[in-house]
């Protein structure tokens, strides 16, 4: 189980790293996103969210889908662009006039976190026994990467499951090695450093446990 105190810390950390954007935008790999980094997989999902126009009035499902497709149309170019040439979320502020409230963004984030918790328990059977710092680190990683799928005969592992060295280290509670293999591409160095520090703090915590 995740305590309310830990859940609140996870939310606060995600809000800090992801930032709040009331409009539709493309993330660094060209996926339509909104709020606190909530990826919207298709226009139908977007249409199920309450949007309003900047000048007032609720948006219709048709208007939401049209706005989604307008933003999505730049996805391939955004994905292919060099890191320094990718657009940030602010670039998309005036692409459409649709917005969500901060309360809606928070609900989307919480739904995302709940789904991620189930996935983390699937990936790491002993997840609930991990140190809190490791839980926070892994929640941040899966929120950003997605759970992905395991390696198959013809395809590589993806998402969080692609971090084979880190996951092998976690399976043996080797938090120092996990810290060495947790870095992600496409995010600020500061965020990677924070995740690494969380795993390293588990080494210190384990050293204090009675033998």
C-alpha atoms as a PDB file:
ATOM      1  CA  UNK A   1       0.000   0.000   0.000  1.00  0.00           C
ATOM      2  CA  UNK A   2       1.022   3.612  -0.568  1.00  0.00           C
ATOM      3  CA  UNK A   3       0.474   5.847   2.455  1.00  0.00           C
ATOM      4  CA  UNK A   4      -1.288   9.173   1.982  1.00  0.00           C
ATOM      5  CA  UNK A   5       1.905  10.978   2.989  1.00  0.00           C
ATOM      6  CA  UNK A   6       3.936   9.153   0.351  1.00  0.00           C
ATOM      7  CA  UNK A   7       1.223   9.607  -2.270  1.00  0.00           C
ATOM      8  CA  UNK A   8       1.223  13.350  -1.605  1.00  0.00           C
ATOM      9  CA  UNK A   9       4.987  13.472  -2.041  1.00  0.00           C
ATOM     10  CA  UNK A  10       4.727  11.563  -5.318  1.00  0.00           C
ATOM     11  CA  UNK A  11       2.085  14.019  -6.554  1.00  0.00           C
ATOM     12  CA  UNK A  12       4.126  17.047  -5.519  1.00  0.00           C
ATOM     13  CA  UNK A  13       7.280  15.737  -7.185  1.00  0.00           C
ATOM     14  CA  UNK A  14       5.423  14.977 -10.414  1.00  0.00           C
ATOM     15  CA  UNK A  15       3.812  18.413 -10.416  1.00  0.00           C
ATOM     16  CA  UNK A  16       7.241  19.985 -10.019  1.00  0.00           C
ATOM     17  CA  UNK A  17       8.922  17.982 -12.771  1.00  0.00           C
ATOM     18  CA  UNK A  18       6.074  17.942 -15.278  1.00  0.00           C
ATOM     19  CA  UNK A  19       4.693  21.449 -14.766  1.00  0.00           C
ATOM     20  CA  UNK A  20       1.065  22.393 -15.334  1.00  0.00           C
ATOM     21  CA  UNK A  21      -0.145  23.198 -18.837  1.00  0.00           C
ATOM     22  CA  UNK A  22      -3.838  23.840 -19.438  1.00  0.00           C
ATOM     23  CA  UNK A  23      -3.572  23.353 -23.195  1.00  0.00           C
ATOM     24  CA  UNK A  24      -2.787  20.448 -25.506  1.00  0.00           C
ATOM     25  CA  UNK A  25       0.883  20.129 -26.434  1.00  0.00           C
ATOM     26  CA  UNK A  26       3.367  17.625 -27.826  1.00  0.00           C
ATOM     27  CA  UNK A  27       5.930  16.008 -25.558  1.00  0.00           C
ATOM     28  CA  UNK A  28       9.509  15.374 -26.654  1.00  0.00           C
ATOM     29  CA  UNK A  29       8.541  12.227 -28.599  1.00  0.00           C
ATOM     30  CA  UNK A  30       5.571  13.835 -30.325  1.00  0.00           C
ATOM     31  CA  UNK A  31       2.724  12.521 -28.170  1.00  0.00           C
ATOM     32  CA  UNK A  32      -0.272  14.726 -27.360  1.00  0.00           C
ATOM     33  CA  UNK A  33      -0.134  15.673 -23.701  1.00  0.00           C
ATOM     34  CA  UNK A  34      -1.898  17.979 -21.234  1.00  0.00           C
ATOM     35  CA  UNK A  35      -2.018  19.036 -17.586  1.00  0.00           C
ATOM     36  CA  UNK A  36       0.739  17.528 -15.463  1.00  0.00           C
ATOM     37  CA  UNK A  37       2.281  15.496 -18.257  1.00  0.00           C
ATOM     38  CA  UNK A  38      -0.790  13.323 -18.922  1.00  0.00           C
ATOM     39  CA  UNK A  39      -0.455  11.711 -22.342  1.00  0.00           C
ATOM     40  CA  UNK A  40      -3.700  11.425 -24.324  1.00  0.00           C
ATOM     41  CA  UNK A  41      -3.459   8.365 -26.601  1.00  0.00           C
ATOM     42  CA  UNK A  42      -6.220   9.356 -29.008  1.00  0.00           C
ATOM     43  CA  UNK A  43      -8.874  11.952 -29.786  1.00  0.00           C
ATOM     44  CA  UNK A  44     -11.654   9.899 -28.189  1.00  0.00           C
ATOM     45  CA  UNK A  45      -9.862   9.951 -24.837  1.00  0.00           C
ATOM     46  CA  UNK A  46      -9.355  13.705 -25.171  1.00  0.00           C
ATOM     47  CA  UNK A  47     -13.048  14.181 -25.948  1.00  0.00           C
ATOM     48  CA  UNK A  48     -13.920  12.549 -22.632  1.00  0.00           C
ATOM     49  CA  UNK A  49     -12.219  15.390 -20.747  1.00  0.00           C
ATOM     50  CA  UNK A  50     -13.917  18.690 -19.895  1.00  0.00           C
ATOM     51  CA  UNK A  51     -12.412  21.489 -21.992  1.00  0.00           C
ATOM     52  CA  UNK A  52     -13.494  25.107 -22.169  1.00  0.00           C
ATOM     53  CA  UNK A  53     -12.752  27.846 -24.681  1.00  0.00           C
ATOM     54  CA  UNK A  54     -10.476  30.656 -23.546  1.00  0.00           C
ATOM     55  CA  UNK A  55     -13.302  33.122 -24.235  1.00  0.00           C
ATOM     56  CA  UNK A  56     -15.764  31.016 -22.250  1.00  0.00           C
ATOM     57  CA  UNK A  57     -18.114  28.126 -22.937  1.00  0.00           C
ATOM     58  CA  UNK A  58     -17.678  24.376 -22.861  1.00  0.00           C
ATOM     59  CA  UNK A  59     -16.045  22.753 -25.872  1.00  0.00           C
ATOM     60  CA  UNK A  60     -17.983  20.094 -27.747  1.00  0.00           C
ATOM     61  CA  UNK A  61     -16.525  16.625 -28.381  1.00  0.00           C
ATOM     62  CA  UNK A  62     -16.145  17.523 -32.064  1.00  0.00           C
ATOM     63  CA  UNK A  63     -14.184  20.669 -31.187  1.00  0.00           C
ATOM     64  CA  UNK A  64     -11.958  18.752 -28.802  1.00  0.00           C
ATOM     65  CA  UNK A  65     -11.208  16.082 -31.398  1.00  0.00           C
ATOM     66  CA  UNK A  66     -10.424  18.736 -34.004  1.00  0.00           C
ATOM     67  CA  UNK A  67      -8.049  20.481 -31.597  1.00  0.00           C
ATOM     68  CA  UNK A  68      -6.395  17.155 -30.752  1.00  0.00           C
ATOM     69  CA  UNK A  69      -5.757  16.377 -34.421  1.00  0.00           C
ATOM     70  CA  UNK A  70      -4.406  19.877 -35.030  1.00  0.00           C
ATOM     71  CA  UNK A  71      -1.785  19.429 -32.330  1.00  0.00           C
ATOM     72  CA  UNK A  72      -1.121  15.792 -33.240  1.00  0.00           C
ATOM     73  CA  UNK A  73      -0.332  16.751 -36.849  1.00  0.00           C
ATOM     74  CA  UNK A  74       3.079  18.010 -35.750  1.00  0.00           C
ATOM     75  CA  UNK A  75       3.941  14.827 -33.872  1.00  0.00           C
ATOM     76  CA  UNK A  76       6.240  13.239 -36.463  1.00  0.00           C
ATOM     77  CA  UNK A  77       8.305  16.412 -36.853  1.00  0.00           C
ATOM     78  CA  UNK A  78       8.562  16.852 -33.088  1.00  0.00           C
ATOM     79  CA  UNK A  79       9.744  13.263 -32.622  1.00  0.00           C
ATOM     80  CA  UNK A  80      12.333  13.550 -35.400  1.00  0.00           C
ATOM     81  CA  UNK A  81      13.719  16.928 -34.296  1.00  0.00           C
ATOM     82  CA  UNK A  82      17.094  17.196 -32.598  1.00  0.00           C
ATOM     83  CA  UNK A  83      16.826  17.768 -28.832  1.00  0.00           C
ATOM     84  CA  UNK A  84      17.587  21.483 -29.049  1.00  0.00           C
ATOM     85  CA  UNK A  85      15.091  21.938 -31.886  1.00  0.00           C
ATOM     86  CA  UNK A  86      12.100  20.355 -30.173  1.00  0.00           C
ATOM     87  CA  UNK A  87       9.259  22.644 -29.152  1.00  0.00           C
ATOM     88  CA  UNK A  88       8.438  23.064 -25.474  1.00  0.00           C
ATOM     89  CA  UNK A  89       4.887  23.012 -24.155  1.00  0.00           C
ATOM     90  CA  UNK A  90       4.685  26.823 -24.203  1.00  0.00           C
ATOM     91  CA  UNK A  91       4.963  26.775 -28.000  1.00  0.00           C
ATOM     92  CA  UNK A  92       1.505  25.174 -28.284  1.00  0.00           C
ATOM     93  CA  UNK A  93      -0.353  27.649 -26.075  1.00  0.00           C
ATOM     94  CA  UNK A  94      -1.970  29.459 -29.009  1.00  0.00           C
ATOM     95  CA  UNK A  95      -2.327  26.496 -31.364  1.00  0.00           C
ATOM     96  CA  UNK A  96      -5.854  25.922 -30.026  1.00  0.00           C
ATOM     97  CA  UNK A  97      -8.131  27.918 -27.714  1.00  0.00           C
ATOM     98  CA  UNK A  98      -9.116  24.938 -25.555  1.00  0.00           C
ATOM     99  CA  UNK A  99      -8.127  24.694 -21.904  1.00  0.00           C
ATOM    100  CA  UNK A 100      -8.652  22.439 -18.877  1.00  0.00           C
ATOM    101  CA  UNK A 101      -8.764  23.508 -15.247  1.00  0.00           C
ATOM    102  CA  UNK A 102      -6.056  22.707 -12.725  1.00  0.00           C
ATOM    103  CA  UNK A 103      -8.566  20.502 -10.893  1.00  0.00           C
ATOM    104  CA  UNK A 104      -9.062  18.463 -14.067  1.00  0.00           C
ATOM    105  CA  UNK A 105      -5.299  18.207 -14.525  1.00  0.00           C
ATOM    106  CA  UNK A 106      -4.952  16.936 -10.959  1.00  0.00           C
ATOM    107  CA  UNK A 107      -7.613  14.282 -11.521  1.00  0.00           C
ATOM    108  CA  UNK A 108      -5.842  13.111 -14.674  1.00  0.00           C
ATOM    109  CA  UNK A 109      -2.546  12.916 -12.768  1.00  0.00           C
ATOM    110  CA  UNK A 110      -4.114  10.932  -9.916  1.00  0.00           C
ATOM    111  CA  UNK A 111      -5.739   8.475 -12.332  1.00  0.00           C
ATOM    112  CA  UNK A 112      -2.351   8.078 -14.010  1.00  0.00           C
ATOM    113  CA  UNK A 113      -0.615   7.446 -10.666  1.00  0.00           C
ATOM    114  CA  UNK A 114      -3.205   4.830  -9.647  1.00  0.00           C
ATOM    115  CA  UNK A 115      -2.710   2.960 -12.937  1.00  0.00           C
ATOM    116  CA  UNK A 116       1.061   3.242 -12.564  1.00  0.00           C
ATOM    117  CA  UNK A 117       0.884   1.710  -9.081  1.00  0.00           C
ATOM    118  CA  UNK A 118      -0.750  -1.417 -10.478  1.00  0.00           C
ATOM    119  CA  UNK A 119       1.893  -1.628 -13.194  1.00  0.00           C
ATOM    120  CA  UNK A 120       4.715  -1.193 -10.689  1.00  0.00           C
ATOM    121  CA  UNK A 121       3.336  -4.074  -8.640  1.00  0.00           C
ATOM    122  CA  UNK A 122       3.277  -6.191 -11.813  1.00  0.00           C
ATOM    123  CA  UNK A 123       6.850  -5.314 -12.767  1.00  0.00           C
ATOM    124  CA  UNK A 124       8.224  -5.579  -9.219  1.00  0.00           C
ATOM    125  CA  UNK A 125       6.381  -8.215  -7.147  1.00  0.00           C
ATOM    126  CA  UNK A 126       8.044  -6.899  -3.961  1.00  0.00           C
ATOM    127  CA  UNK A 127       7.339  -3.250  -4.771  1.00  0.00           C
ATOM    128  CA  UNK A 128       5.346  -2.599  -1.594  1.00  0.00           C
ATOM    129  CA  UNK A 129       8.359  -3.625   0.510  1.00  0.00           C
ATOM    130  CA  UNK A 130      10.758  -1.230  -1.228  1.00  0.00           C
ATOM    131  CA  UNK A 131      12.141   1.803   0.640  1.00  0.00           C
ATOM    132  CA  UNK A 132       9.972   4.869   0.140  1.00  0.00           C
ATOM    133  CA  UNK A 133      12.721   6.657  -1.788  1.00  0.00           C
ATOM    134  CA  UNK A 134      12.833   3.818  -4.333  1.00  0.00           C
ATOM    135  CA  UNK A 135       9.054   3.956  -4.701  1.00  0.00           C
ATOM    136  CA  UNK A 136       9.194   7.685  -5.396  1.00  0.00           C
ATOM    137  CA  UNK A 137      11.951   7.193  -7.984  1.00  0.00           C
ATOM    138  CA  UNK A 138      10.072   4.419  -9.762  1.00  0.00           C
ATOM    139  CA  UNK A 139       6.789   6.336  -9.759  1.00  0.00           C
ATOM    140  CA  UNK A 140       8.576   9.218 -11.446  1.00  0.00           C
ATOM    141  CA  UNK A 141      10.168   6.925 -14.005  1.00  0.00           C
ATOM    142  CA  UNK A 142       7.007   5.020 -14.936  1.00  0.00           C
ATOM    143  CA  UNK A 143       4.953   8.237 -15.131  1.00  0.00           C
ATOM    144  CA  UNK A 144       7.478   9.580 -17.614  1.00  0.00           C
ATOM    145  CA  UNK A 145       8.318   6.374 -19.517  1.00  0.00           C
ATOM    146  CA  UNK A 146       5.210   4.228 -19.239  1.00  0.00           C
ATOM    147  CA  UNK A 147       5.461   0.575 -18.171  1.00  0.00           C
ATOM    148  CA  UNK A 148       6.289  -0.656 -21.670  1.00  0.00           C
ATOM    149  CA  UNK A 149       6.382  -4.328 -22.567  1.00  0.00           C
ATOM    150  CA  UNK A 150       8.917  -7.036 -21.900  1.00  0.00           C
ATOM    151  CA  UNK A 151      11.489  -8.263 -24.374  1.00  0.00           C
ATOM    152  CA  UNK A 152      10.136 -10.753 -26.868  1.00  0.00           C
ATOM    153  CA  UNK A 153      11.784 -12.816 -29.567  1.00  0.00           C
ATOM    154  CA  UNK A 154      11.435 -10.078 -32.168  1.00  0.00           C
ATOM    155  CA  UNK A 155      11.140  -6.879 -30.139  1.00  0.00           C
ATOM    156  CA  UNK A 156      13.117  -5.055 -27.496  1.00  0.00           C
ATOM    157  CA  UNK A 157      11.668  -4.217 -24.129  1.00  0.00           C
ATOM    158  CA  UNK A 158      10.205  -0.726 -23.889  1.00  0.00           C
ATOM    159  CA  UNK A 159       9.274   1.819 -21.222  1.00  0.00           C
ATOM    160  CA  UNK A 160      10.343   1.076 -17.656  1.00  0.00           C
ATOM    161  CA  UNK A 161      10.813  -2.587 -18.553  1.00  0.00           C
ATOM    162  CA  UNK A 162      13.621  -1.591 -20.949  1.00  0.00           C
ATOM    163  CA  UNK A 163      15.855  -0.658 -18.014  1.00  0.00           C
ATOM    164  CA  UNK A 164      17.234  -4.176 -17.707  1.00  0.00           C
ATOM    165  CA  UNK A 165      20.351  -3.308 -15.711  1.00  0.00           C
ATOM    166  CA  UNK A 166      18.389  -1.237 -13.233  1.00  0.00           C
ATOM    167  CA  UNK A 167      15.619  -3.806 -12.887  1.00  0.00           C
ATOM    168  CA  UNK A 168      18.079  -6.640 -12.327  1.00  0.00           C
ATOM    169  CA  UNK A 169      19.746  -4.582  -9.605  1.00  0.00           C
ATOM    170  CA  UNK A 170      16.403  -3.788  -7.977  1.00  0.00           C
ATOM    171  CA  UNK A 171      15.538  -7.495  -7.926  1.00  0.00           C
ATOM    172  CA  UNK A 172      18.547  -8.083  -5.649  1.00  0.00           C
ATOM    173  CA  UNK A 173      18.050  -4.842  -3.657  1.00  0.00           C
ATOM    174  CA  UNK A 174      21.263  -3.427  -5.100  1.00  0.00           C
ATOM    175  CA  UNK A 175      20.228   0.214  -4.951  1.00  0.00           C
ATOM    176  CA  UNK A 176      23.695   1.568  -5.731  1.00  0.00           C
ATOM    177  CA  UNK A 177      23.743  -0.239  -9.086  1.00  0.00           C
ATOM    178  CA  UNK A 178      20.122   0.762  -9.736  1.00  0.00           C
ATOM    179  CA  UNK A 179      21.231   4.385  -9.311  1.00  0.00           C
ATOM    180  CA  UNK A 180      23.857   3.896 -12.019  1.00  0.00           C
ATOM    181  CA  UNK A 181      21.297   2.626 -14.540  1.00  0.00           C
ATOM    182  CA  UNK A 182      18.302   4.900 -13.990  1.00  0.00           C
ATOM    183  CA  UNK A 183      19.127   7.824 -16.267  1.00  0.00           C
ATOM    184  CA  UNK A 184      16.565   8.701 -18.938  1.00  0.00           C
ATOM    185  CA  UNK A 185      16.947  10.554 -22.207  1.00  0.00           C
ATOM    186  CA  UNK A 186      14.870  13.596 -23.057  1.00  0.00           C
ATOM    187  CA  UNK A 187      14.507  14.955 -19.522  1.00  0.00           C
ATOM    188  CA  UNK A 188      16.473  17.631 -17.605  1.00  0.00           C
ATOM    189  CA  UNK A 189      19.737  16.559 -16.008  1.00  0.00           C
ATOM    190  CA  UNK A 190      18.360  17.794 -12.691  1.00  0.00           C
ATOM    191  CA  UNK A 191      15.509  15.278 -12.832  1.00  0.00           C
ATOM    192  CA  UNK A 192      17.876  12.400 -13.585  1.00  0.00           C
ATOM    193  CA  UNK A 193      20.123  13.513 -10.728  1.00  0.00           C
ATOM    194  CA  UNK A 194      17.166  13.549  -8.343  1.00  0.00           C
ATOM    195  CA  UNK A 195      16.173  10.003  -9.315  1.00  0.00           C
ATOM    196  CA  UNK A 196      19.736   8.792  -8.904  1.00  0.00           C
ATOM    197  CA  UNK A 197      19.923  10.434  -5.465  1.00  0.00           C
ATOM    198  CA  UNK A 198      16.705   8.710  -4.385  1.00  0.00           C
ATOM    199  CA  UNK A 199      18.130   5.282  -5.223  1.00  0.00           C
ATOM    200  CA  UNK A 200      21.429   6.112  -3.527  1.00  0.00           C
ATOM    201  CA  UNK A 201      19.584   7.127  -0.367  1.00  0.00           C
ATOM    202  CA  UNK A 202      18.200   3.571  -0.181  1.00  0.00           C
ATOM    203  CA  UNK A 203      21.769   2.292   0.226  1.00  0.00           C
ATOM    204  CA  UNK A 204      22.191   4.492   3.286  1.00  0.00           C
ATOM    205  CA  UNK A 205      18.795   3.434   4.635  1.00  0.00           C
ATOM    206  CA  UNK A 206      19.648  -0.265   4.217  1.00  0.00           C
ATOM    207  CA  UNK A 207      22.980   0.232   6.004  1.00  0.00           C
ATOM    208  CA  UNK A 208      21.119   1.510   9.055  1.00  0.00           C
ATOM    209  CA  UNK A 209      18.877  -1.533   9.318  1.00  0.00           C
ATOM    210  CA  UNK A 210      19.682  -3.899  12.229  1.00  0.00           C
ATOM    211  CA  UNK A 211      21.604  -7.000  11.236  1.00  0.00           C
END
